[in-house]
C-alpha atoms as a PDB file:
ATOM      1  CA  UNK A   1       0.026  -0.037   0.012  1.00  0.00           C
ATOM      2  CA  UNK A   2       1.350   3.415  -0.945  1.00  0.00           C
ATOM      3  CA  UNK A   3       1.963   6.198   1.607  1.00  0.00           C
ATOM      4  CA  UNK A   4      -0.915   8.172   0.020  1.00  0.00           C
ATOM      5  CA  UNK A   5      -3.357   5.263   0.383  1.00  0.00           C
ATOM      6  CA  UNK A   6      -2.346   4.796   3.995  1.00  0.00           C
ATOM      7  CA  UNK A   7      -3.109   8.501   4.718  1.00  0.00           C
ATOM      8  CA  UNK A   8      -6.487   8.130   2.991  1.00  0.00           C
ATOM      9  CA  UNK A   9      -7.505   4.993   5.036  1.00  0.00           C
ATOM     10  CA  UNK A  10      -6.256   6.434   8.373  1.00  0.00           C
ATOM     11  CA  UNK A  11      -9.240   7.159  10.521  1.00  0.00           C
ATOM     12  CA  UNK A  12      -9.583  10.788  11.533  1.00  0.00           C
ATOM     13  CA  UNK A  13      -9.936  11.773  15.136  1.00  0.00           C
ATOM     14  CA  UNK A  14     -11.904  14.487  16.771  1.00  0.00           C
ATOM     15  CA  UNK A  15     -10.170  16.850  19.166  1.00  0.00           C
ATOM     16  CA  UNK A  16     -11.167  17.917  22.658  1.00  0.00           C
ATOM     17  CA  UNK A  17     -10.769  21.621  23.471  1.00  0.00           C
ATOM     18  CA  UNK A  18      -9.316  20.861  26.944  1.00  0.00           C
ATOM     19  CA  UNK A  19      -5.642  20.404  27.613  1.00  0.00           C
ATOM     20  CA  UNK A  20      -2.364  21.747  29.130  1.00  0.00           C
ATOM     21  CA  UNK A  21       1.288  21.473  27.919  1.00  0.00           C
ATOM     22  CA  UNK A  22       4.634  23.070  28.534  1.00  0.00           C
ATOM     23  CA  UNK A  23       7.959  23.106  26.677  1.00  0.00           C
ATOM     24  CA  UNK A  24      11.328  24.489  27.423  1.00  0.00           C
ATOM     25  CA  UNK A  25      14.225  25.576  25.161  1.00  0.00           C
ATOM     26  CA  UNK A  26      17.392  27.597  24.966  1.00  0.00           C
ATOM     27  CA  UNK A  27      19.246  29.786  22.403  1.00  0.00           C
ATOM     28  CA  UNK A  28      22.181  32.272  22.406  1.00  0.00           C
ATOM     29  CA  UNK A  29      22.304  32.317  26.200  1.00  0.00           C
ATOM     30  CA  UNK A  30      18.537  32.585  26.802  1.00  0.00           C
ATOM     31  CA  UNK A  31      16.266  30.043  28.390  1.00  0.00           C
ATOM     32  CA  UNK A  32      12.659  29.890  27.135  1.00  0.00           C
ATOM     33  CA  UNK A  33       9.556  28.315  28.635  1.00  0.00           C
ATOM     34  CA  UNK A  34       6.218  28.232  26.966  1.00  0.00           C
ATOM     35  CA  UNK A  35       2.990  26.891  28.594  1.00  0.00           C
ATOM     36  CA  UNK A  36      -0.326  26.449  26.759  1.00  0.00           C
ATOM     37  CA  UNK A  37      -3.707  25.891  28.377  1.00  0.00           C
ATOM     38  CA  UNK A  38      -6.944  25.364  26.525  1.00  0.00           C
ATOM     39  CA  UNK A  39     -10.644  25.022  27.611  1.00  0.00           C
ATOM     40  CA  UNK A  40     -13.809  24.973  25.571  1.00  0.00           C
ATOM     41  CA  UNK A  41     -15.267  28.070  23.963  1.00  0.00           C
ATOM     42  CA  UNK A  42     -17.508  28.831  21.089  1.00  0.00           C
ATOM     43  CA  UNK A  43     -14.769  30.575  19.073  1.00  0.00           C
ATOM     44  CA  UNK A  44     -10.977  30.941  19.231  1.00  0.00           C
ATOM     45  CA  UNK A  45     -10.275  33.201  22.230  1.00  0.00           C
ATOM     46  CA  UNK A  46      -6.458  33.598  22.376  1.00  0.00           C
ATOM     47  CA  UNK A  47      -4.660  35.234  25.344  1.00  0.00           C
ATOM     48  CA  UNK A  48      -0.922  35.578  24.760  1.00  0.00           C
ATOM     49  CA  UNK A  49       1.262  36.804  27.665  1.00  0.00           C
ATOM     50  CA  UNK A  50       4.859  37.924  26.859  1.00  0.00           C
ATOM     51  CA  UNK A  51       7.492  39.553  29.126  1.00  0.00           C
ATOM     52  CA  UNK A  52       7.688  43.327  28.903  1.00  0.00           C
ATOM     53  CA  UNK A  53       9.630  44.394  25.858  1.00  0.00           C
ATOM     54  CA  UNK A  54       9.076  41.162  23.904  1.00  0.00           C
ATOM     55  CA  UNK A  55       6.023  42.405  21.937  1.00  0.00           C
ATOM     56  CA  UNK A  56       7.846  42.155  18.595  1.00  0.00           C
ATOM     57  CA  UNK A  57       7.360  38.337  18.753  1.00  0.00           C
ATOM     58  CA  UNK A  58       3.592  38.511  19.478  1.00  0.00           C
ATOM     59  CA  UNK A  59       2.235  38.371  15.872  1.00  0.00           C
ATOM     60  CA  UNK A  60       4.292  35.371  14.743  1.00  0.00           C
ATOM     61  CA  UNK A  61       3.489  33.474  17.848  1.00  0.00           C
ATOM     62  CA  UNK A  62      -0.244  34.181  17.516  1.00  0.00           C
ATOM     63  CA  UNK A  63      -0.237  33.042  13.926  1.00  0.00           C
ATOM     64  CA  UNK A  64       1.445  29.812  14.976  1.00  0.00           C
ATOM     65  CA  UNK A  65      -1.323  29.149  17.467  1.00  0.00           C
ATOM     66  CA  UNK A  66      -4.074  29.941  14.949  1.00  0.00           C
ATOM     67  CA  UNK A  67      -2.663  27.443  12.512  1.00  0.00           C
ATOM     68  CA  UNK A  68      -3.008  24.620  15.086  1.00  0.00           C
ATOM     69  CA  UNK A  69      -6.033  25.546  17.120  1.00  0.00           C
ATOM     70  CA  UNK A  70      -9.385  26.752  15.696  1.00  0.00           C
ATOM     71  CA  UNK A  71     -11.748  26.836  18.717  1.00  0.00           C
ATOM     72  CA  UNK A  72     -11.312  27.236  22.453  1.00  0.00           C
ATOM     73  CA  UNK A  73     -10.201  29.634  25.143  1.00  0.00           C
ATOM     74  CA  UNK A  74      -6.418  29.388  24.842  1.00  0.00           C
ATOM     75  CA  UNK A  75      -3.879  30.955  27.246  1.00  0.00           C
ATOM     76  CA  UNK A  76      -0.234  31.050  26.180  1.00  0.00           C
ATOM     77  CA  UNK A  77       2.340  32.102  28.725  1.00  0.00           C
ATOM     78  CA  UNK A  78       5.881  32.857  27.439  1.00  0.00           C
ATOM     79  CA  UNK A  79       8.878  33.278  29.830  1.00  0.00           C
ATOM     80  CA  UNK A  80      12.329  34.344  28.675  1.00  0.00           C
ATOM     81  CA  UNK A  81      15.272  34.477  31.087  1.00  0.00           C
ATOM     82  CA  UNK A  82      19.019  34.886  30.581  1.00  0.00           C
ATOM     83  CA  UNK A  83      20.890  31.584  30.770  1.00  0.00           C
ATOM     84  CA  UNK A  84      23.501  32.980  33.170  1.00  0.00           C
ATOM     85  CA  UNK A  85      23.009  34.284  36.647  1.00  0.00           C
ATOM     86  CA  UNK A  86      21.468  37.743  36.741  1.00  0.00           C
ATOM     87  CA  UNK A  87      23.408  40.343  38.666  1.00  0.00           C
ATOM     88  CA  UNK A  88      21.770  41.690  41.742  1.00  0.00           C
ATOM     89  CA  UNK A  89      21.013  45.356  42.050  1.00  0.00           C
ATOM     90  CA  UNK A  90      20.743  47.182  45.365  1.00  0.00           C
ATOM     91  CA  UNK A  91      18.660  50.250  45.606  1.00  0.00           C
ATOM     92  CA  UNK A  92      21.121  52.246  47.735  1.00  0.00           C
ATOM     93  CA  UNK A  93      18.933  55.348  47.934  1.00  0.00           C
ATOM     94  CA  UNK A  94      16.046  53.231  49.306  1.00  0.00           C
ATOM     95  CA  UNK A  95      18.442  51.537  51.791  1.00  0.00           C
ATOM     96  CA  UNK A  96      19.572  55.019  53.046  1.00  0.00           C
ATOM     97  CA  UNK A  97      15.971  56.035  53.534  1.00  0.00           C
ATOM     98  CA  UNK A  98      15.221  52.812  55.480  1.00  0.00           C
ATOM     99  CA  UNK A  99      18.283  53.389  57.708  1.00  0.00           C
ATOM    100  CA  UNK A 100      17.357  57.061  58.362  1.00  0.00           C
ATOM    101  CA  UNK A 101      13.938  55.986  59.427  1.00  0.00           C
ATOM    102  CA  UNK A 102      15.320  53.363  61.681  1.00  0.00           C
ATOM    103  CA  UNK A 103      17.672  55.903  63.317  1.00  0.00           C
ATOM    104  CA  UNK A 104      14.749  58.301  63.791  1.00  0.00           C
ATOM    105  CA  UNK A 105      12.683  55.501  65.534  1.00  0.00           C
ATOM    106  CA  UNK A 106      15.615  54.585  67.859  1.00  0.00           C
ATOM    107  CA  UNK A 107      15.943  58.204  68.934  1.00  0.00           C
ATOM    108  CA  UNK A 108      12.255  58.649  69.552  1.00  0.00           C
ATOM    109  CA  UNK A 109      11.773  55.361  71.415  1.00  0.00           C
ATOM    110  CA  UNK A 110      15.245  54.912  73.071  1.00  0.00           C
ATOM    111  CA  UNK A 111      15.417  51.371  71.701  1.00  0.00           C
ATOM    112  CA  UNK A 112      18.752  50.042  70.783  1.00  0.00           C
ATOM    113  CA  UNK A 113      19.026  47.240  68.273  1.00  0.00           C
ATOM    114  CA  UNK A 114      21.816  45.839  66.069  1.00  0.00           C
ATOM    115  CA  UNK A 115      21.456  46.255  62.356  1.00  0.00           C
ATOM    116  CA  UNK A 116      20.424  43.138  60.580  1.00  0.00           C
ATOM    117  CA  UNK A 117      21.741  43.340  57.113  1.00  0.00           C
ATOM    118  CA  UNK A 118      19.848  40.286  55.822  1.00  0.00           C
ATOM    119  CA  UNK A 119      16.562  41.718  57.214  1.00  0.00           C
ATOM    120  CA  UNK A 120      17.415  45.004  55.458  1.00  0.00           C
ATOM    121  CA  UNK A 121      17.870  43.319  52.127  1.00  0.00           C
ATOM    122  CA  UNK A 122      14.473  41.627  52.476  1.00  0.00           C
ATOM    123  CA  UNK A 123      12.660  44.959  52.708  1.00  0.00           C
ATOM    124  CA  UNK A 124      10.428  45.718  49.672  1.00  0.00           C
ATOM    125  CA  UNK A 125      12.300  47.246  46.773  1.00  0.00           C
ATOM    126  CA  UNK A 126      15.858  46.953  48.228  1.00  0.00           C
ATOM    127  CA  UNK A 127      17.195  44.309  45.832  1.00  0.00           C
ATOM    128  CA  UNK A 128      16.116  43.179  42.364  1.00  0.00           C
ATOM    129  CA  UNK A 129      17.507  41.584  39.247  1.00  0.00           C
ATOM    130  CA  UNK A 130      17.972  43.041  35.763  1.00  0.00           C
ATOM    131  CA  UNK A 131      14.820  42.624  33.781  1.00  0.00           C
ATOM    132  CA  UNK A 132      15.350  40.558  30.560  1.00  0.00           C
ATOM    133  CA  UNK A 133      15.887  42.725  27.515  1.00  0.00           C
ATOM    134  CA  UNK A 134      15.453  41.809  23.796  1.00  0.00           C
ATOM    135  CA  UNK A 135      18.825  41.351  22.070  1.00  0.00           C
ATOM    136  CA  UNK A 136      20.007  44.408  20.216  1.00  0.00           C
ATOM    137  CA  UNK A 137      21.086  42.849  16.951  1.00  0.00           C
ATOM    138  CA  UNK A 138      18.481  41.710  14.460  1.00  0.00           C
ATOM    139  CA  UNK A 139      20.325  38.385  14.010  1.00  0.00           C
ATOM    140  CA  UNK A 140      20.096  37.606  17.705  1.00  0.00           C
ATOM    141  CA  UNK A 141      16.491  38.735  17.761  1.00  0.00           C
ATOM    142  CA  UNK A 142      15.722  36.321  15.006  1.00  0.00           C
ATOM    143  CA  UNK A 143      17.542  33.394  16.665  1.00  0.00           C
ATOM    144  CA  UNK A 144      15.591  34.061  19.892  1.00  0.00           C
ATOM    145  CA  UNK A 145      12.332  34.285  17.899  1.00  0.00           C
ATOM    146  CA  UNK A 146      12.975  30.890  16.322  1.00  0.00           C
ATOM    147  CA  UNK A 147      13.721  29.444  19.779  1.00  0.00           C
ATOM    148  CA  UNK A 148      10.392  30.808  21.037  1.00  0.00           C
ATOM    149  CA  UNK A 149       8.555  29.302  18.020  1.00  0.00           C
ATOM    150  CA  UNK A 150      10.297  25.927  18.643  1.00  0.00           C
ATOM    151  CA  UNK A 151       9.157  25.874  22.272  1.00  0.00           C
ATOM    152  CA  UNK A 152       5.631  26.883  21.288  1.00  0.00           C
ATOM    153  CA  UNK A 153       5.454  24.212  18.524  1.00  0.00           C
ATOM    154  CA  UNK A 154       6.656  21.615  20.995  1.00  0.00           C
ATOM    155  CA  UNK A 155       4.076  22.711  23.573  1.00  0.00           C
ATOM    156  CA  UNK A 156       1.302  22.756  20.959  1.00  0.00           C
ATOM    157  CA  UNK A 157       2.328  19.191  19.866  1.00  0.00           C
ATOM    158  CA  UNK A 158       2.061  17.966  23.422  1.00  0.00           C
ATOM    159  CA  UNK A 159      -1.293  19.791  23.739  1.00  0.00           C
ATOM    160  CA  UNK A 160      -2.565  18.002  20.613  1.00  0.00           C
ATOM    161  CA  UNK A 161      -1.667  14.622  22.114  1.00  0.00           C
ATOM    162  CA  UNK A 162      -3.679  15.381  25.154  1.00  0.00           C
ATOM    163  CA  UNK A 163      -6.597  16.728  23.145  1.00  0.00           C
ATOM    164  CA  UNK A 164      -6.613  13.690  20.824  1.00  0.00           C
ATOM    165  CA  UNK A 165      -6.587  11.259  23.766  1.00  0.00           C
ATOM    166  CA  UNK A 166      -9.571  13.026  25.331  1.00  0.00           C
ATOM    167  CA  UNK A 167     -11.176  13.313  21.971  1.00  0.00           C
ATOM    168  CA  UNK A 168     -10.994   9.572  21.439  1.00  0.00           C
ATOM    169  CA  UNK A 169     -12.868   8.955  24.727  1.00  0.00           C
ATOM    170  CA  UNK A 170     -15.498  11.545  23.764  1.00  0.00           C
ATOM    171  CA  UNK A 171     -15.920  10.038  20.293  1.00  0.00           C
ATOM    172  CA  UNK A 172     -16.424   6.507  21.801  1.00  0.00           C
ATOM    173  CA  UNK A 173     -19.050   7.832  24.234  1.00  0.00           C
ATOM    174  CA  UNK A 174     -20.820   9.731  21.447  1.00  0.00           C
ATOM    175  CA  UNK A 175     -20.910   6.600  19.195  1.00  0.00           C
ATOM    176  CA  UNK A 176     -22.313   4.550  22.087  1.00  0.00           C
ATOM    177  CA  UNK A 177     -25.112   7.015  22.638  1.00  0.00           C
ATOM    178  CA  UNK A 178     -25.763   7.314  18.964  1.00  0.00           C
ATOM    179  CA  UNK A 179     -26.120   3.546  18.653  1.00  0.00           C
ATOM    180  CA  UNK A 180     -28.547   3.570  21.600  1.00  0.00           C
ATOM    181  CA  UNK A 181     -30.732   6.343  20.012  1.00  0.00           C
ATOM    182  CA  UNK A 182     -30.708   4.394  16.668  1.00  0.00           C
ATOM    183  CA  UNK A 183     -32.006   1.233  18.397  1.00  0.00           C
ATOM    184  CA  UNK A 184     -34.700   3.131  20.213  1.00  0.00           C
ATOM    185  CA  UNK A 185     -35.740   4.832  17.006  1.00  0.00           C
ATOM    186  CA  UNK A 186     -36.268   1.486  15.224  1.00  0.00           C
ATOM    187  CA  UNK A 187     -38.360   0.251  18.209  1.00  0.00           C
ATOM    188  CA  UNK A 188     -40.570   3.369  17.770  1.00  0.00           C
ATOM    189  CA  UNK A 189     -40.889   2.591  14.018  1.00  0.00           C
ATOM    190  CA  UNK A 190     -42.238  -0.846  14.843  1.00  0.00           C
ATOM    191  CA  UNK A 191     -44.683   0.552  17.366  1.00  0.00           C
ATOM    192  CA  UNK A 192     -46.062   3.090  14.864  1.00  0.00           C
ATOM    193  CA  UNK A 193     -47.198   0.275  12.610  1.00  0.00           C
ATOM    194  CA  UNK A 194     -49.374  -1.062  15.515  1.00  0.00           C
ATOM    195  CA  UNK A 195     -51.051   2.267  16.206  1.00  0.00           C
ATOM    196  CA  UNK A 196     -53.511   2.373  13.254  1.00  0.00           C
ATOM    197  CA  UNK A 197     -55.499  -0.586  14.549  1.00  0.00           C
ATOM    198  CA  UNK A 198     -55.345   0.991  17.991  1.00  0.00           C
ATOM    199  CA  UNK A 199     -56.756   4.214  16.609  1.00  0.00           C
ATOM    200  CA  UNK A 200     -59.609   2.280  14.945  1.00  0.00           C
ATOM    201  CA  UNK A 201     -60.451   0.490  18.183  1.00  0.00           C
ATOM    202  CA  UNK A 202     -60.470   3.632  20.115  1.00  0.00           C
ATOM    203  CA  UNK A 203     -62.562   5.490  17.541  1.00  0.00           C
ATOM    204  CA  UNK A 204     -65.111   2.662  17.426  1.00  0.00           C
ATOM    205  CA  UNK A 205     -65.495   2.577  21.147  1.00  0.00           C
ATOM    206  CA  UNK A 206     -65.980   6.319  21.359  1.00  0.00           C
ATOM    207  CA  UNK A 207     -68.553   6.329  18.541  1.00  0.00           C
ATOM    208  CA  UNK A 208     -70.567   3.475  20.129  1.00  0.00           C
ATOM    209  CA  UNK A 209     -70.699   5.442  23.337  1.00  0.00           C
ATOM    210  CA  UNK A 210     -71.879   8.508  21.581  1.00  0.00           C
ATOM    211  CA  UNK A 211     -74.423   6.787  19.263  1.00  0.00           C
ATOM    212  CA  UNK A 212     -75.812   4.505  21.966  1.00  0.00           C
ATOM    213  CA  UNK A 213     -75.565   1.291  20.090  1.00  0.00           C
ATOM    214  CA  UNK A 214     -76.463   2.545  16.585  1.00  0.00           C
ATOM    215  CA  UNK A 215     -74.902   0.549  13.769  1.00  0.00           C
ATOM    216  CA  UNK A 216     -71.769   2.096  12.504  1.00  0.00           C
ATOM    217  CA  UNK A 217     -70.462   1.811   8.935  1.00  0.00           C
ATOM    218  CA  UNK A 218     -67.069  -0.107   9.209  1.00  0.00           C
ATOM    219  CA  UNK A 219     -65.804   1.922   6.126  1.00  0.00           C
ATOM    220  CA  UNK A 220     -66.486   5.183   7.861  1.00  0.00           C
ATOM    221  CA  UNK A 221     -64.650   3.972  11.012  1.00  0.00           C
ATOM    222  CA  UNK A 222     -61.691   2.973   8.851  1.00  0.00           C
ATOM    223  CA  UNK A 223     -61.712   6.278   7.069  1.00  0.00           C
ATOM    224  CA  UNK A 224     -61.751   8.310  10.337  1.00  0.00           C
ATOM    225  CA  UNK A 225     -59.131   6.121  11.876  1.00  0.00           C
ATOM    226  CA  UNK A 226     -56.887   6.624   8.875  1.00  0.00           C
ATOM    227  CA  UNK A 227     -57.284  10.416   9.153  1.00  0.00           C
ATOM    228  CA  UNK A 228     -56.480  10.251  12.887  1.00  0.00           C
ATOM    229  CA  UNK A 229     -53.417   8.037  12.124  1.00  0.00           C
ATOM    230  CA  UNK A 230     -52.320  10.439   9.433  1.00  0.00           C
ATOM    231  CA  UNK A 231     -52.426  13.387  11.799  1.00  0.00           C
ATOM    232  CA  UNK A 232     -50.390  11.348  14.318  1.00  0.00           C
ATOM    233  CA  UNK A 233     -47.951   9.837  11.827  1.00  0.00           C
ATOM    234  CA  UNK A 234     -44.350  10.317  12.837  1.00  0.00           C
ATOM    235  CA  UNK A 235     -42.707   8.355  10.021  1.00  0.00           C
ATOM    236  CA  UNK A 236     -41.126  11.473   8.521  1.00  0.00           C
ATOM    237  CA  UNK A 237     -39.743  12.559  11.916  1.00  0.00           C
ATOM    238  CA  UNK A 238     -38.252   9.024  12.356  1.00  0.00           C
ATOM    239  CA  UNK A 239     -36.740   9.181   8.843  1.00  0.00           C
ATOM    240  CA  UNK A 240     -35.100  12.476   9.511  1.00  0.00           C
ATOM    241  CA  UNK A 241     -33.857  11.401  12.954  1.00  0.00           C
ATOM    242  CA  UNK A 242     -32.248   8.363  11.359  1.00  0.00           C
ATOM    243  CA  UNK A 243     -30.654  10.528   8.692  1.00  0.00           C
ATOM    244  CA  UNK A 244     -29.301  12.911  11.342  1.00  0.00           C
ATOM    245  CA  UNK A 245     -27.818   9.950  13.265  1.00  0.00           C
ATOM    246  CA  UNK A 246     -26.070   8.685  10.121  1.00  0.00           C
ATOM    247  CA  UNK A 247     -24.730  12.164   9.275  1.00  0.00           C
ATOM    248  CA  UNK A 248     -23.519  12.565  12.896  1.00  0.00           C
ATOM    249  CA  UNK A 249     -21.558   9.230  12.561  1.00  0.00           C
ATOM    250  CA  UNK A 250     -19.985  10.358   9.319  1.00  0.00           C
ATOM    251  CA  UNK A 251     -18.936  13.655  10.913  1.00  0.00           C
ATOM    252  CA  UNK A 252     -17.227  11.811  13.731  1.00  0.00           C
ATOM    253  CA  UNK A 253     -15.231   9.814  11.183  1.00  0.00           C
ATOM    254  CA  UNK A 254     -14.157  12.995   9.445  1.00  0.00           C
ATOM    255  CA  UNK A 255     -11.747  15.784  10.318  1.00  0.00           C
ATOM    256  CA  UNK A 256     -11.651  19.518  10.853  1.00  0.00           C
ATOM    257  CA  UNK A 257     -13.865  21.723  12.971  1.00  0.00           C
ATOM    258  CA  UNK A 258     -16.643  19.300  14.035  1.00  0.00           C
ATOM    259  CA  UNK A 259     -18.046  20.876  17.144  1.00  0.00           C
ATOM    260  CA  UNK A 260     -20.374  23.386  15.494  1.00  0.00           C
ATOM    261  CA  UNK A 261     -21.682  20.950  12.856  1.00  0.00           C
ATOM    262  CA  UNK A 262     -22.361  18.288  15.496  1.00  0.00           C
ATOM    263  CA  UNK A 263     -24.176  20.826  17.742  1.00  0.00           C
ATOM    264  CA  UNK A 264     -26.350  21.913  14.801  1.00  0.00           C
ATOM    265  CA  UNK A 265     -27.351  18.261  14.024  1.00  0.00           C
ATOM    266  CA  UNK A 266     -28.150  17.711  17.691  1.00  0.00           C
ATOM    267  CA  UNK A 267     -30.523  20.816  17.543  1.00  0.00           C
ATOM    268  CA  UNK A 268     -32.241  19.243  14.622  1.00  0.00           C
ATOM    269  CA  UNK A 269     -32.483  15.849  16.407  1.00  0.00           C
ATOM    270  CA  UNK A 270     -33.936  17.492  19.444  1.00  0.00           C
ATOM    271  CA  UNK A 271     -36.572  19.210  17.278  1.00  0.00           C
ATOM    272  CA  UNK A 272     -37.557  15.902  15.711  1.00  0.00           C
ATOM    273  CA  UNK A 273     -37.869  14.273  19.157  1.00  0.00           C
ATOM    274  CA  UNK A 274     -40.117  17.049  20.360  1.00  0.00           C
ATOM    275  CA  UNK A 275     -42.342  16.756  17.263  1.00  0.00           C
ATOM    276  CA  UNK A 276     -42.523  13.029  17.712  1.00  0.00           C
ATOM    277  CA  UNK A 277     -43.735  13.371  21.263  1.00  0.00           C
ATOM    278  CA  UNK A 278     -46.320  16.053  20.334  1.00  0.00           C
ATOM    279  CA  UNK A 279     -47.838  13.937  17.604  1.00  0.00           C
ATOM    280  CA  UNK A 280     -48.221  10.902  19.740  1.00  0.00           C
ATOM    281  CA  UNK A 281     -51.617  11.215  21.541  1.00  0.00           C
ATOM    282  CA  UNK A 282     -53.779   8.799  23.320  1.00  0.00           C
ATOM    283  CA  UNK A 283     -53.537   6.282  26.120  1.00  0.00           C
ATOM    284  CA  UNK A 284     -52.904   3.148  24.005  1.00  0.00           C
ATOM    285  CA  UNK A 285     -50.065   1.096  25.300  1.00  0.00           C
ATOM    286  CA  UNK A 286     -48.125   1.607  22.112  1.00  0.00           C
ATOM    287  CA  UNK A 287     -48.461   5.426  22.319  1.00  0.00           C
ATOM    288  CA  UNK A 288     -47.408   5.364  25.905  1.00  0.00           C
ATOM    289  CA  UNK A 289     -44.413   3.229  25.105  1.00  0.00           C
ATOM    290  CA  UNK A 290     -43.473   5.679  22.216  1.00  0.00           C
ATOM    291  CA  UNK A 291     -43.750   8.610  24.700  1.00  0.00           C
ATOM    292  CA  UNK A 292     -41.454   6.876  27.112  1.00  0.00           C
ATOM    293  CA  UNK A 293     -38.857   6.100  24.390  1.00  0.00           C
ATOM    294  CA  UNK A 294     -39.184   9.618  23.100  1.00  0.00           C
ATOM    295  CA  UNK A 295     -38.327  11.100  26.505  1.00  0.00           C
ATOM    296  CA  UNK A 296     -35.338   8.717  26.689  1.00  0.00           C
ATOM    297  CA  UNK A 297     -34.149   9.835  23.285  1.00  0.00           C
ATOM    298  CA  UNK A 298     -34.439  13.437  24.328  1.00  0.00           C
ATOM    299  CA  UNK A 299     -32.289  12.723  27.423  1.00  0.00           C
ATOM    300  CA  UNK A 300     -29.689  11.081  25.330  1.00  0.00           C
ATOM    301  CA  UNK A 301     -29.585  14.007  22.891  1.00  0.00           C
ATOM    302  CA  UNK A 302     -29.025  16.369  25.836  1.00  0.00           C
ATOM    303  CA  UNK A 303     -26.132  14.336  27.035  1.00  0.00           C
ATOM    304  CA  UNK A 304     -24.681  14.369  23.549  1.00  0.00           C
ATOM    305  CA  UNK A 305     -25.028  18.168  23.446  1.00  0.00           C
ATOM    306  CA  UNK A 306     -23.064  18.407  26.697  1.00  0.00           C
ATOM    307  CA  UNK A 307     -20.254  16.331  25.271  1.00  0.00           C
ATOM    308  CA  UNK A 308     -20.131  18.117  21.941  1.00  0.00           C
ATOM    309  CA  UNK A 309     -19.542  21.438  23.631  1.00  0.00           C
ATOM    310  CA  UNK A 310     -15.896  20.251  24.307  1.00  0.00           C
ATOM    311  CA  UNK A 311     -15.157  19.182  20.733  1.00  0.00           C
ATOM    312  CA  UNK A 312     -13.247  21.564  18.487  1.00  0.00           C
END
């Protein structure tokens, strides 16, 4: 089998919108760390957080994310630090002010205390490191940009693995529920065939009660029963529901952005189930059974809709 054929026969997978991944890298004396977190959302909502002064990399990193993720609330955190130890800066003016305030307190309170240098260094604003700055040369800027892209690609790759794994579990559960709805739909189809005689029996009983034993034309009863059955016929709803189930299964076997399409199909399936329930009147055992199954189908559709909200 050729490579092309193997690609064509490979089964596509749906992707979950939930996941987390992190990747690290280094280049030209810089250490990079990129983390990506994704949760479900109707559209792509991308939040990219970069260190101060590194905004020149924002557009290229955003584009990289958009090429891989199409839906979901995505947070990308980028950290860049020099690979060597950062020199410590001491805010000497602030230290002088702290010491002056301490001397004034000692004079006012007559309290003598030895100076604790370590405690002094722990005071807010006394010490700090040099904030990372973008390299000055364009060549080094480009090398650092490629390192950031490499870390982001690695993080997105790990994120995809997690999203695929969860997507497989989601797809299995969706197919299981689809199969159950399909089975219940065929049961309803069989019960519908039994309703016409039931309509005739109910109509004849009601007419006898109204007409007090008067002879009733059997043809007339059959005609009225047929009209009642036609108004209560749900064959079209069952056909459309079966078609939606088949289309749903095909979409699961496909690729791309499935979530919106699946959600639309479920809305249509929900509408057919509601119509089926509204057109099934009476107290015959068959009708009561159809009503019970219809409610069960609606419950399964609602569970499907909850699951689909997390598919890209």
